[in-house]
Amino acid sequence: NDTYGHKMGDQVLITLAHEIRRLLRRDDVVARIGGDEILLVLNGVHDLDGAVAVAEKVRANCSEVHEYQGEQYVPRISIGVTVMRSGENVDDLIARADRAMYSVKRMGGNQVVGVN
């Protein structure tokens, strides 16, 4: 947004959401939860390794060159991954994934980090 403006930023998010939707299964959920944050719910994925593998596939595919109004850009995708624990609520799950994502951003971004 700082370099290209909010209109392009919004278009990038729309493009990435379509790309993510294409990569996921029909029963998985993609939702924008604020700003540049997108939540993925992978139904039936109960182990961290499986969730990280899906997230890495998303990161790799979304990190390719895209174009908007003649400008080329390569998104830097930072992904925090976790799986729901028994008895845990959704807010705790999202908070843990959010902390993991911000740790990725502090490390330079464009990576996937899984946390239990």
PDB file of N, CA and C in Angstrom:
ATOM      1  N   ASN A   1       0.807  -1.199   0.000  1.00  0.00           N
ATOM      2  CA  ASN A   1       0.000   0.000   0.000  1.00  0.00           C
ATOM      3  C   ASN A   1       0.851   1.265   0.000  1.00  0.00           C
ATOM      4  N   ASP A   2       1.973   1.255   0.714  1.00  0.00           N
ATOM      5  CA  ASP A   2       2.817   2.446   0.783  1.00  0.00           C
ATOM      6  C   ASP A   2       3.405   2.804  -0.569  1.00  0.00           C
ATOM      7  N   THR A   3       3.770   1.820  -1.354  1.00  0.00           N
ATOM      8  CA  THR A   3       4.407   2.069  -2.642  1.00  0.00           C
ATOM      9  C   THR A   3       3.398   2.319  -3.752  1.00  0.00           C
ATOM     10  N   TYR A   4       2.354   1.501  -3.831  1.00  0.00           N
ATOM     11  CA  TYR A   4       1.438   1.540  -4.974  1.00  0.00           C
ATOM     12  C   TYR A   4       0.042   2.071  -4.649  1.00  0.00           C
ATOM     13  N   GLY A   5      -0.273   2.272  -3.379  1.00  0.00           N
ATOM     14  CA  GLY A   5      -1.574   2.799  -2.996  1.00  0.00           C
ATOM     15  C   GLY A   5      -2.565   1.715  -2.595  1.00  0.00           C
ATOM     16  N   HIS A   6      -3.646   2.160  -1.959  1.00  0.00           N
ATOM     17  CA  HIS A   6      -4.646   1.232  -1.428  1.00  0.00           C
ATOM     18  C   HIS A   6      -5.409   0.492  -2.517  1.00  0.00           C
ATOM     19  N   LYS A   7      -5.656   1.145  -3.637  1.00  0.00           N
ATOM     20  CA  LYS A   7      -6.408   0.495  -4.711  1.00  0.00           C
ATOM     21  C   LYS A   7      -5.658  -0.742  -5.215  1.00  0.00           C
ATOM     22  N   MET A   8      -4.348  -0.579  -5.425  1.00  0.00           N
ATOM     23  CA  MET A   8      -3.562  -1.733  -5.867  1.00  0.00           C
ATOM     24  C   MET A   8      -3.483  -2.770  -4.742  1.00  0.00           C
ATOM     25  N   GLY A   9      -3.320  -2.304  -3.500  1.00  0.00           N
ATOM     26  CA  GLY A   9      -3.273  -3.233  -2.375  1.00  0.00           C
ATOM     27  C   GLY A   9      -4.524  -4.085  -2.289  1.00  0.00           C
ATOM     28  N   ASP A  10      -5.680  -3.446  -2.481  1.00  0.00           N
ATOM     29  CA  ASP A  10      -6.938  -4.195  -2.474  1.00  0.00           C
ATOM     30  C   ASP A  10      -6.989  -5.190  -3.626  1.00  0.00           C
ATOM     31  N   GLN A  11      -6.510  -4.779  -4.792  1.00  0.00           N
ATOM     32  CA  GLN A  11      -6.512  -5.677  -5.948  1.00  0.00           C
ATOM     33  C   GLN A  11      -5.578  -6.859  -5.723  1.00  0.00           C
ATOM     34  N   VAL A  12      -4.435  -6.611  -5.084  1.00  0.00           N
ATOM     35  CA  VAL A  12      -3.509  -7.696  -4.756  1.00  0.00           C
ATOM     36  C   VAL A  12      -4.212  -8.711  -3.856  1.00  0.00           C
ATOM     37  N   LEU A  13      -4.916  -8.230  -2.839  1.00  0.00           N
ATOM     38  CA  LEU A  13      -5.620  -9.138  -1.936  1.00  0.00           C
ATOM     39  C   LEU A  13      -6.692  -9.944  -2.662  1.00  0.00           C
ATOM     40  N   ILE A  14      -7.412  -9.310  -3.570  1.00  0.00           N
ATOM     41  CA  ILE A  14      -8.432 -10.017  -4.351  1.00  0.00           C
ATOM     42  C   ILE A  14      -7.785 -11.097  -5.214  1.00  0.00           C
ATOM     43  N   THR A  15      -6.690 -10.733  -5.886  1.00  0.00           N
ATOM     44  CA  THR A  15      -5.975 -11.693  -6.737  1.00  0.00           C
ATOM     45  C   THR A  15      -5.466 -12.873  -5.914  1.00  0.00           C
ATOM     46  N   LEU A  16      -4.859 -12.578  -4.759  1.00  0.00           N
ATOM     47  CA  LEU A  16      -4.327 -13.646  -3.915  1.00  0.00           C
ATOM     48  C   LEU A  16      -5.447 -14.526  -3.363  1.00  0.00           C
ATOM     49  N   ALA A  17      -6.571 -13.928  -2.998  1.00  0.00           N
ATOM     50  CA  ALA A  17      -7.697 -14.718  -2.493  1.00  0.00           C
ATOM     51  C   ALA A  17      -8.189 -15.699  -3.556  1.00  0.00           C
ATOM     52  N   HIS A  18      -8.264 -15.248  -4.804  1.00  0.00           N
ATOM     53  CA  HIS A  18      -8.672 -16.151  -5.894  1.00  0.00           C
ATOM     54  C   HIS A  18      -7.646 -17.269  -6.088  1.00  0.00           C
ATOM     55  N   GLU A  19      -6.372 -16.920  -6.012  1.00  0.00           N
ATOM     56  CA  GLU A  19      -5.307 -17.918  -6.162  1.00  0.00           C
ATOM     57  C   GLU A  19      -5.375 -18.944  -5.032  1.00  0.00           C
ATOM     58  N   ILE A  20      -5.547 -18.451  -3.807  1.00  0.00           N
ATOM     59  CA  ILE A  20      -5.638 -19.351  -2.653  1.00  0.00           C
ATOM     60  C   ILE A  20      -6.846 -20.274  -2.798  1.00  0.00           C
ATOM     61  N   ARG A  21      -7.971 -19.716  -3.170  1.00  0.00           N
ATOM     62  CA  ARG A  21      -9.199 -20.502  -3.341  1.00  0.00           C
ATOM     63  C   ARG A  21      -8.976 -21.624  -4.361  1.00  0.00           C
ATOM     64  N   ARG A  22      -8.245 -21.314  -5.433  1.00  0.00           N
ATOM     65  CA  ARG A  22      -7.948 -22.300  -6.471  1.00  0.00           C
ATOM     66  C   ARG A  22      -7.092 -23.449  -5.927  1.00  0.00           C
ATOM     67  N   LEU A  23      -6.215 -23.145  -4.977  1.00  0.00           N
ATOM     68  CA  LEU A  23      -5.290 -24.138  -4.442  1.00  0.00           C
ATOM     69  C   LEU A  23      -5.905 -25.038  -3.371  1.00  0.00           C
ATOM     70  N   LEU A  24      -6.970 -24.555  -2.734  1.00  0.00           N
ATOM     71  CA  LEU A  24      -7.550 -25.294  -1.619  1.00  0.00           C
ATOM     72  C   LEU A  24      -8.678 -26.214  -2.070  1.00  0.00           C
ATOM     73  N   ARG A  25      -9.091 -27.052  -1.143  1.00  0.00           N
ATOM     74  CA  ARG A  25     -10.206 -27.959  -1.407  1.00  0.00           C
ATOM     75  C   ARG A  25     -11.534 -27.227  -1.243  1.00  0.00           C
ATOM     76  N   ARG A  26     -12.555 -27.808  -1.766  1.00  0.00           N
ATOM     77  CA  ARG A  26     -13.893 -27.202  -1.751  1.00  0.00           C
ATOM     78  C   ARG A  26     -14.386 -26.897  -0.327  1.00  0.00           C
ATOM     79  N   ASP A  27     -14.072 -27.759   0.647  1.00  0.00           N
ATOM     80  CA  ASP A  27     -14.555 -27.590   2.020  1.00  0.00           C
ATOM     81  C   ASP A  27     -13.699 -26.664   2.872  1.00  0.00           C
ATOM     82  N   ASP A  28     -12.559 -26.227   2.370  1.00  0.00           N
ATOM     83  CA  ASP A  28     -11.710 -25.303   3.116  1.00  0.00           C
ATOM     84  C   ASP A  28     -12.297 -23.898   3.042  1.00  0.00           C
ATOM     85  N   VAL A  29     -11.911 -23.055   3.991  1.00  0.00           N
ATOM     86  CA  VAL A  29     -12.467 -21.706   4.091  1.00  0.00           C
ATOM     87  C   VAL A  29     -11.350 -20.681   3.937  1.00  0.00           C
ATOM     88  N   VAL A  30     -11.617 -19.631   3.149  1.00  0.00           N
ATOM     89  CA  VAL A  30     -10.706 -18.495   2.993  1.00  0.00           C
ATOM     90  C   VAL A  30     -11.483 -17.258   3.411  1.00  0.00           C
ATOM     91  N   ALA A  31     -10.920 -16.469   4.347  1.00  0.00           N
ATOM     92  CA  ALA A  31     -11.609 -15.260   4.802  1.00  0.00           C
ATOM     93  C   ALA A  31     -10.601 -14.160   5.107  1.00  0.00           C
ATOM     94  N   ARG A  32     -10.916 -12.942   4.699  1.00  0.00           N
ATOM     95  CA  ARG A  32     -10.102 -11.778   5.066  1.00  0.00           C
ATOM     96  C   ARG A  32     -10.554 -11.348   6.453  1.00  0.00           C
ATOM     97  N   ILE A  33      -9.609 -11.303   7.399  1.00  0.00           N
ATOM     98  CA  ILE A  33      -9.981 -10.978   8.775  1.00  0.00           C
ATOM     99  C   ILE A  33      -9.516  -9.590   9.186  1.00  0.00           C
ATOM    100  N   GLY A  34      -8.872  -8.875   8.281  1.00  0.00           N
ATOM    101  CA  GLY A  34      -8.480  -7.504   8.581  1.00  0.00           C
ATOM    102  C   GLY A  34      -7.241  -7.117   7.813  1.00  0.00           C
ATOM    103  N   GLY A  35      -7.197  -5.861   7.400  1.00  0.00           N
ATOM    104  CA  GLY A  35      -6.015  -5.345   6.708  1.00  0.00           C
ATOM    105  C   GLY A  35      -5.551  -6.275   5.618  1.00  0.00           C
ATOM    106  N   ASP A  36      -4.337  -6.761   5.777  1.00  0.00           N
ATOM    107  CA  ASP A  36      -3.763  -7.678   4.788  1.00  0.00           C
ATOM    108  C   ASP A  36      -3.725  -9.110   5.315  1.00  0.00           C
ATOM    109  N   GLU A  37      -4.570  -9.421   6.293  1.00  0.00           N
ATOM    110  CA  GLU A  37      -4.570 -10.748   6.900  1.00  0.00           C
ATOM    111  C   GLU A  37      -5.700 -11.602   6.344  1.00  0.00           C
ATOM    112  N   ILE A  38      -5.318 -12.793   5.905  1.00  0.00           N
ATOM    113  CA  ILE A  38      -6.274 -13.755   5.364  1.00  0.00           C
ATOM    114  C   ILE A  38      -6.193 -15.022   6.208  1.00  0.00           C
ATOM    115  N   LEU A  39      -7.338 -15.514   6.620  1.00  0.00           N
ATOM    116  CA  LEU A  39      -7.433 -16.715   7.433  1.00  0.00           C
ATOM    117  C   LEU A  39      -7.809 -17.899   6.546  1.00  0.00           C
ATOM    118  N   LEU A  40      -7.097 -19.003   6.711  1.00  0.00           N
ATOM    119  CA  LEU A  40      -7.441 -20.250   6.019  1.00  0.00           C
ATOM    120  C   LEU A  40      -7.847 -21.268   7.071  1.00  0.00           C
ATOM    121  N   VAL A  41      -8.967 -21.921   6.877  1.00  0.00           N
ATOM    122  CA  VAL A  41      -9.391 -23.020   7.732  1.00  0.00           C
ATOM    123  C   VAL A  41      -9.366 -24.271   6.868  1.00  0.00           C
ATOM    124  N   LEU A  42      -8.472 -25.189   7.229  1.00  0.00           N
ATOM    125  CA  LEU A  42      -8.287 -26.421   6.459  1.00  0.00           C
ATOM    126  C   LEU A  42      -9.042 -27.541   7.154  1.00  0.00           C
ATOM    127  N   ASN A  43     -10.260 -27.768   6.729  1.00  0.00           N
ATOM    128  CA  ASN A  43     -11.105 -28.798   7.340  1.00  0.00           C
ATOM    129  C   ASN A  43     -10.481 -30.178   7.164  1.00  0.00           C
ATOM    130  N   GLY A  44     -10.426 -30.916   8.262  1.00  0.00           N
ATOM    131  CA  GLY A  44      -9.908 -32.273   8.214  1.00  0.00           C
ATOM    132  C   GLY A  44      -8.397 -32.378   8.316  1.00  0.00           C
ATOM    133  N   VAL A  45      -7.685 -31.253   8.390  1.00  0.00           N
ATOM    134  CA  VAL A  45      -6.228 -31.284   8.576  1.00  0.00           C
ATOM    135  C   VAL A  45      -5.977 -31.104  10.071  1.00  0.00           C
ATOM    136  N   HIS A  46      -5.474 -32.161  10.725  1.00  0.00           N
ATOM    137  CA  HIS A  46      -5.335 -32.138  12.176  1.00  0.00           C
ATOM    138  C   HIS A  46      -3.885 -32.149  12.642  1.00  0.00           C
ATOM    139  N   ASP A  47      -2.949 -32.256  11.712  1.00  0.00           N
ATOM    140  CA  ASP A  47      -1.545 -32.284  12.123  1.00  0.00           C
ATOM    141  C   ASP A  47      -0.816 -31.067  11.560  1.00  0.00           C
ATOM    142  N   LEU A  48       0.140 -30.573  12.335  1.00  0.00           N
ATOM    143  CA  LEU A  48       0.862 -29.358  11.969  1.00  0.00           C
ATOM    144  C   LEU A  48       1.630 -29.532  10.668  1.00  0.00           C
ATOM    145  N   ASP A  49       2.261 -30.676  10.462  1.00  0.00           N
ATOM    146  CA  ASP A  49       3.033 -30.890   9.230  1.00  0.00           C
ATOM    147  C   ASP A  49       2.155 -30.779   7.987  1.00  0.00           C
ATOM    148  N   GLY A  50       0.958 -31.347   8.045  1.00  0.00           N
ATOM    149  CA  GLY A  50       0.042 -31.255   6.912  1.00  0.00           C
ATOM    150  C   GLY A  50      -0.392 -29.828   6.647  1.00  0.00           C
ATOM    151  N   ALA A  51      -0.688 -29.088   7.714  1.00  0.00           N
ATOM    152  CA  ALA A  51      -1.105 -27.690   7.567  1.00  0.00           C
ATOM    153  C   ALA A  51       0.034 -26.832   7.025  1.00  0.00           C
ATOM    154  N   VAL A  52       1.251 -27.068   7.503  1.00  0.00           N
ATOM    155  CA  VAL A  52       2.415 -26.315   7.015  1.00  0.00           C
ATOM    156  C   VAL A  52       2.650 -26.615   5.536  1.00  0.00           C
ATOM    157  N   ALA A  53       2.483 -27.863   5.129  1.00  0.00           N
ATOM    158  CA  ALA A  53       2.677 -28.221   3.714  1.00  0.00           C
ATOM    159  C   ALA A  53       1.691 -27.476   2.819  1.00  0.00           C
ATOM    160  N   VAL A  54       0.438 -27.384   3.238  1.00  0.00           N
ATOM    161  CA  VAL A  54      -0.557 -26.635   2.462  1.00  0.00           C
ATOM    162  C   VAL A  54      -0.184 -25.157   2.427  1.00  0.00           C
ATOM    163  N   ALA A  55       0.202 -24.609   3.571  1.00  0.00           N
ATOM    164  CA  ALA A  55       0.573 -23.192   3.640  1.00  0.00           C
ATOM    165  C   ALA A  55       1.780 -22.892   2.757  1.00  0.00           C
ATOM    166  N   GLU A  56       2.741 -23.787   2.719  1.00  0.00           N
ATOM    167  CA  GLU A  56       3.922 -23.576   1.868  1.00  0.00           C
ATOM    168  C   GLU A  56       3.533 -23.604   0.395  1.00  0.00           C
ATOM    169  N   LYS A  57       2.616 -24.481   0.030  1.00  0.00           N
ATOM    170  CA  LYS A  57       2.117 -24.517  -1.352  1.00  0.00           C
ATOM    171  C   LYS A  57       1.434 -23.189  -1.701  1.00  0.00           C
ATOM    172  N   VAL A  58       0.642 -22.672  -0.793  1.00  0.00           N
ATOM    173  CA  VAL A  58      -0.021 -21.378  -0.997  1.00  0.00           C
ATOM    174  C   VAL A  58       1.019 -20.276  -1.142  1.00  0.00           C
ATOM    175  N   ARG A  59       2.002 -20.249  -0.228  1.00  0.00           N
ATOM    176  CA  ARG A  59       3.037 -19.210  -0.266  1.00  0.00           C
ATOM    177  C   ARG A  59       3.800 -19.247  -1.580  1.00  0.00           C
ATOM    178  N   ALA A  60       4.219 -20.423  -1.994  1.00  0.00           N
ATOM    179  CA  ALA A  60       5.007 -20.554  -3.224  1.00  0.00           C
ATOM    180  C   ALA A  60       4.208 -20.097  -4.443  1.00  0.00           C
ATOM    181  N   ASN A  61       2.955 -20.506  -4.532  1.00  0.00           N
ATOM    182  CA  ASN A  61       2.135 -20.130  -5.687  1.00  0.00           C
ATOM    183  C   ASN A  61       1.790 -18.649  -5.697  1.00  0.00           C
ATOM    184  N   CYS A  62       1.541 -18.083  -4.532  1.00  0.00           N
ATOM    185  CA  CYS A  62       1.151 -16.668  -4.464  1.00  0.00           C
ATOM    186  C   CYS A  62       2.351 -15.734  -4.583  1.00  0.00           C
ATOM    187  N   SER A  63       3.554 -16.255  -4.414  1.00  0.00           N
ATOM    188  CA  SER A  63       4.758 -15.425  -4.477  1.00  0.00           C
ATOM    189  C   SER A  63       5.312 -15.288  -5.889  1.00  0.00           C
ATOM    190  N   GLU A  64       4.544 -15.690  -6.878  1.00  0.00           N
ATOM    191  CA  GLU A  64       4.969 -15.532  -8.270  1.00  0.00           C
ATOM    192  C   GLU A  64       4.681 -14.105  -8.734  1.00  0.00           C
ATOM    193  N   VAL A  65       5.211 -13.733  -9.881  1.00  0.00           N
ATOM    194  CA  VAL A  65       5.016 -12.386 -10.427  1.00  0.00           C
ATOM    195  C   VAL A  65       3.561 -12.205 -10.843  1.00  0.00           C
ATOM    196  N   HIS A  66       2.973 -11.099 -10.410  1.00  0.00           N
ATOM    197  CA  HIS A  66       1.620 -10.702 -10.796  1.00  0.00           C
ATOM    198  C   HIS A  66       1.710  -9.333 -11.459  1.00  0.00           C
ATOM    199  N   GLU A  67       0.632  -8.931 -12.121  1.00  0.00           N
ATOM    200  CA  GLU A  67       0.620  -7.618 -12.772  1.00  0.00           C
ATOM    201  C   GLU A  67      -0.696  -6.910 -12.480  1.00  0.00           C
ATOM    202  N   TYR A  68      -0.598  -5.602 -12.243  1.00  0.00           N
ATOM    203  CA  TYR A  68      -1.778  -4.763 -12.041  1.00  0.00           C
ATOM    204  C   TYR A  68      -1.540  -3.425 -12.720  1.00  0.00           C
ATOM    205  N   GLN A  69      -2.375  -3.079 -13.667  1.00  0.00           N
ATOM    206  CA  GLN A  69      -2.297  -1.824 -14.425  1.00  0.00           C
ATOM    207  C   GLN A  69      -0.873  -1.553 -14.932  1.00  0.00           C
ATOM    208  N   GLY A  70      -0.278  -2.586 -15.520  1.00  0.00           N
ATOM    209  CA  GLY A  70       1.044  -2.448 -16.114  1.00  0.00           C
ATOM    210  C   GLY A  70       2.202  -2.537 -15.137  1.00  0.00           C
ATOM    211  N   GLU A  71       1.919  -2.605 -13.846  1.00  0.00           N
ATOM    212  CA  GLU A  71       2.968  -2.722 -12.823  1.00  0.00           C
ATOM    213  C   GLU A  71       3.106  -4.181 -12.413  1.00  0.00           C
ATOM    214  N   GLN A  72       4.330  -4.686 -12.420  1.00  0.00           N
ATOM    215  CA  GLN A  72       4.570  -6.044 -11.949  1.00  0.00           C
ATOM    216  C   GLN A  72       4.927  -6.005 -10.468  1.00  0.00           C
ATOM    217  N   TYR A  73       4.479  -7.005  -9.751  1.00  0.00           N
ATOM    218  CA  TYR A  73       4.797  -7.096  -8.332  1.00  0.00           C
ATOM    219  C   TYR A  73       4.900  -8.567  -7.941  1.00  0.00           C
ATOM    220  N   VAL A  74       5.683  -8.808  -6.911  1.00  0.00           N
ATOM    221  CA  VAL A  74       5.819 -10.149  -6.347  1.00  0.00           C
ATOM    222  C   VAL A  74       5.439 -10.044  -4.871  1.00  0.00           C
ATOM    223  N   PRO A  75       4.285 -10.575  -4.497  1.00  0.00           N
ATOM    224  CA  PRO A  75       3.867 -10.499  -3.095  1.00  0.00           C
ATOM    225  C   PRO A  75       4.822 -11.268  -2.190  1.00  0.00           C
ATOM    226  N   ARG A  76       5.041 -10.718  -1.007  1.00  0.00           N
ATOM    227  CA  ARG A  76       5.811 -11.405   0.031  1.00  0.00           C
ATOM    228  C   ARG A  76       4.795 -11.916   1.043  1.00  0.00           C
ATOM    229  N   ILE A  77       4.660 -13.214   1.098  1.00  0.00           N
ATOM    230  CA  ILE A  77       3.612 -13.842   1.888  1.00  0.00           C
ATOM    231  C   ILE A  77       4.206 -14.383   3.188  1.00  0.00           C
ATOM    232  N   SER A  78       3.712 -13.904   4.311  1.00  0.00           N
ATOM    233  CA  SER A  78       4.139 -14.370   5.632  1.00  0.00           C
ATOM    234  C   SER A  78       2.987 -15.149   6.244  1.00  0.00           C
ATOM    235  N   ILE A  79       3.241 -16.419   6.577  1.00  0.00           N
ATOM    236  CA  ILE A  79       2.161 -17.281   7.052  1.00  0.00           C
ATOM    237  C   ILE A  79       2.527 -17.912   8.391  1.00  0.00           C
ATOM    238  N   GLY A  80       1.634 -17.745   9.355  1.00  0.00           N
ATOM    239  CA  GLY A  80       1.722 -18.430  10.636  1.00  0.00           C
ATOM    240  C   GLY A  80       0.703 -19.556  10.641  1.00  0.00           C
ATOM    241  N   VAL A  81       1.133 -20.748  11.014  1.00  0.00           N
ATOM    242  CA  VAL A  81       0.274 -21.937  10.952  1.00  0.00           C
ATOM    243  C   VAL A  81       0.185 -22.572  12.333  1.00  0.00           C
ATOM    244  N   THR A  82      -1.002 -23.010  12.673  1.00  0.00           N
ATOM    245  CA  THR A  82      -1.193 -23.794  13.885  1.00  0.00           C
ATOM    246  C   THR A  82      -2.399 -24.702  13.689  1.00  0.00           C
ATOM    247  N   VAL A  83      -2.588 -25.626  14.596  1.00  0.00           N
ATOM    248  CA  VAL A  83      -3.763 -26.500  14.550  1.00  0.00           C
ATOM    249  C   VAL A  83      -4.512 -26.376  15.877  1.00  0.00           C
ATOM    250  N   MET A  84      -5.804 -26.606  15.825  1.00  0.00           N
ATOM    251  CA  MET A  84      -6.644 -26.454  17.007  1.00  0.00           C
ATOM    252  C   MET A  84      -6.355 -27.553  18.013  1.00  0.00           C
ATOM    253  N   ARG A  85      -6.218 -27.140  19.263  1.00  0.00           N
ATOM    254  CA  ARG A  85      -6.016 -28.083  20.360  1.00  0.00           C
ATOM    255  C   ARG A  85      -7.373 -28.477  20.942  1.00  0.00           C
ATOM    256  N   SER A  86      -7.409 -29.620  21.557  1.00  0.00           N
ATOM    257  CA  SER A  86      -8.642 -30.087  22.190  1.00  0.00           C
ATOM    258  C   SER A  86      -9.109 -29.074  23.234  1.00  0.00           C
ATOM    259  N   GLY A  87     -10.367 -28.684  23.162  1.00  0.00           N
ATOM    260  CA  GLY A  87     -10.933 -27.753  24.129  1.00  0.00           C
ATOM    261  C   GLY A  87     -10.591 -26.297  23.896  1.00  0.00           C
ATOM    262  N   GLU A  88      -9.859 -26.009  22.836  1.00  0.00           N
ATOM    263  CA  GLU A  88      -9.426 -24.632  22.561  1.00  0.00           C
ATOM    264  C   GLU A  88     -10.520 -23.869  21.823  1.00  0.00           C
ATOM    265  N   ASN A  89     -10.570 -22.551  22.061  1.00  0.00           N
ATOM    266  CA  ASN A  89     -11.536 -21.747  21.311  1.00  0.00           C
ATOM    267  C   ASN A  89     -10.857 -21.113  20.100  1.00  0.00           C
ATOM    268  N   VAL A  90     -11.671 -20.641  19.183  1.00  0.00           N
ATOM    269  CA  VAL A  90     -11.178 -20.101  17.913  1.00  0.00           C
ATOM    270  C   VAL A  90     -10.314 -18.863  18.128  1.00  0.00           C
ATOM    271  N   ASP A  91     -10.670 -18.016  19.091  1.00  0.00           N
ATOM    272  CA  ASP A  91      -9.886 -16.803  19.340  1.00  0.00           C
ATOM    273  C   ASP A  91      -8.450 -17.138  19.729  1.00  0.00           C
ATOM    274  N   ASP A  92      -8.269 -18.163  20.582  1.00  0.00           N
ATOM    275  CA  ASP A  92      -6.919 -18.582  20.975  1.00  0.00           C
ATOM    276  C   ASP A  92      -6.149 -19.129  19.782  1.00  0.00           C
ATOM    277  N   LEU A  93      -6.824 -19.892  18.955  1.00  0.00           N
ATOM    278  CA  LEU A  93      -6.204 -20.456  17.753  1.00  0.00           C
ATOM    279  C   LEU A  93      -5.712 -19.346  16.825  1.00  0.00           C
ATOM    280  N   ILE A  94      -6.567 -18.371  16.559  1.00  0.00           N
ATOM    281  CA  ILE A  94      -6.199 -17.266  15.670  1.00  0.00           C
ATOM    282  C   ILE A  94      -5.072 -16.440  16.277  1.00  0.00           C
ATOM    283  N   ALA A  95      -5.116 -16.202  17.587  1.00  0.00           N
ATOM    284  CA  ALA A  95      -4.056 -15.424  18.243  1.00  0.00           C
ATOM    285  C   ALA A  95      -2.705 -16.121  18.108  1.00  0.00           C
ATOM    286  N   ARG A  96      -2.679 -17.453  18.256  1.00  0.00           N
ATOM    287  CA  ARG A  96      -1.418 -18.195  18.130  1.00  0.00           C
ATOM    288  C   ARG A  96      -0.889 -18.138  16.698  1.00  0.00           C
ATOM    289  N   ALA A  97      -1.770 -18.291  15.713  1.00  0.00           N
ATOM    290  CA  ALA A  97      -1.351 -18.192  14.308  1.00  0.00           C
ATOM    291  C   ALA A  97      -0.871 -16.781  13.997  1.00  0.00           C
ATOM    292  N   ASP A  98      -1.530 -15.784  14.566  1.00  0.00           N
ATOM    293  CA  ASP A  98      -1.150 -14.386  14.356  1.00  0.00           C
ATOM    294  C   ASP A  98       0.251 -14.112  14.913  1.00  0.00           C
ATOM    295  N   ARG A  99       0.529 -14.619  16.108  1.00  0.00           N
ATOM    296  CA  ARG A  99       1.873 -14.443  16.688  1.00  0.00           C
ATOM    297  C   ARG A  99       2.928 -15.102  15.805  1.00  0.00           C
ATOM    298  N   ALA A 100       2.617 -16.273  15.281  1.00  0.00           N
ATOM    299  CA  ALA A 100       3.557 -16.961  14.387  1.00  0.00           C
ATOM    300  C   ALA A 100       3.787 -16.144  13.123  1.00  0.00           C
ATOM    301  N   MET A 101       2.714 -15.558  12.566  1.00  0.00           N
ATOM    302  CA  MET A 101       2.847 -14.748  11.352  1.00  0.00           C
ATOM    303  C   MET A 101       3.736 -13.530  11.611  1.00  0.00           C
ATOM    304  N   TYR A 102       3.539 -12.863  12.755  1.00  0.00           N
ATOM    305  CA  TYR A 102       4.363 -11.692  13.046  1.00  0.00           C
ATOM    306  C   TYR A 102       5.817 -12.076  13.292  1.00  0.00           C
ATOM    307  N   SER A 103       6.063 -13.280  13.810  1.00  0.00           N
ATOM    308  CA  SER A 103       7.456 -13.726  13.953  1.00  0.00           C
ATOM    309  C   SER A 103       8.086 -13.920  12.579  1.00  0.00           C
ATOM    310  N   VAL A 104       7.299 -14.402  11.611  1.00  0.00           N
ATOM    311  CA  VAL A 104       7.782 -14.543  10.232  1.00  0.00           C
ATOM    312  C   VAL A 104       8.125 -13.169   9.664  1.00  0.00           C
ATOM    313  N   LYS A 105       7.263 -12.192   9.873  1.00  0.00           N
ATOM    314  CA  LYS A 105       7.515 -10.840   9.358  1.00  0.00           C
ATOM    315  C   LYS A 105       8.788 -10.257   9.956  1.00  0.00           C
ATOM    316  N   ARG A 106       9.021 -10.500  11.263  1.00  0.00           N
ATOM    317  CA  ARG A 106      10.249 -10.000  11.906  1.00  0.00           C
ATOM    318  C   ARG A 106      11.498 -10.659  11.323  1.00  0.00           C
ATOM    319  N   MET A 107      11.355 -11.881  10.795  1.00  0.00           N
ATOM    320  CA  MET A 107      12.487 -12.598  10.190  1.00  0.00           C
ATOM    321  C   MET A 107      12.690 -12.225   8.727  1.00  0.00           C
ATOM    322  N   GLY A 108      11.910 -11.276   8.219  1.00  0.00           N
ATOM    323  CA  GLY A 108      12.066 -10.849   6.837  1.00  0.00           C
ATOM    324  C   GLY A 108      10.914 -11.242   5.933  1.00  0.00           C
ATOM    325  N   GLY A 109      10.014 -12.067   6.422  1.00  0.00           N
ATOM    326  CA  GLY A 109       8.821 -12.419   5.660  1.00  0.00           C
ATOM    327  C   GLY A 109       9.051 -13.442   4.574  1.00  0.00           C
ATOM    328  N   ASN A 110       7.983 -13.678   3.818  1.00  0.00           N
ATOM    329  CA  ASN A 110       7.975 -14.616   2.700  1.00  0.00           C
ATOM    330  C   ASN A 110       8.368 -16.027   3.130  1.00  0.00           C
ATOM    331  N   GLN A 111       7.824 -16.445   4.280  1.00  0.00           N
ATOM    332  CA  GLN A 111       8.097 -17.765   4.834  1.00  0.00           C
ATOM    333  C   GLN A 111       6.830 -18.299   5.482  1.00  0.00           C
ATOM    334  N   VAL A 112       6.898 -19.555   5.874  1.00  0.00           N
ATOM    335  CA  VAL A 112       5.838 -20.204   6.640  1.00  0.00           C
ATOM    336  C   VAL A 112       6.451 -20.690   7.945  1.00  0.00           C
ATOM    337  N   VAL A 113       5.769 -20.427   9.063  1.00  0.00           N
ATOM    338  CA  VAL A 113       6.205 -20.938  10.356  1.00  0.00           C
ATOM    339  C   VAL A 113       5.025 -21.629  11.019  1.00  0.00           C
ATOM    340  N   GLY A 114       5.247 -22.851  11.469  1.00  0.00           N
ATOM    341  CA  GLY A 114       4.220 -23.591  12.188  1.00  0.00           C
ATOM    342  C   GLY A 114       4.534 -23.627  13.667  1.00  0.00           C
ATOM    343  N   VAL A 115       3.502 -23.451  14.497  1.00  0.00           N
ATOM    344  CA  VAL A 115       3.664 -23.508  15.954  1.00  0.00           C
ATOM    345  C   VAL A 115       2.571 -24.385  16.547  1.00  0.00           C
ATOM    346  N   ASN A 116       2.922 -25.094  17.605  1.00  0.00           N
ATOM    347  CA  ASN A 116       1.931 -25.912  18.326  1.00  0.00           C
ATOM    348  C   ASN A 116       1.262 -25.100  19.397  1.00  0.00           C
TER     349      ASN A 116
END
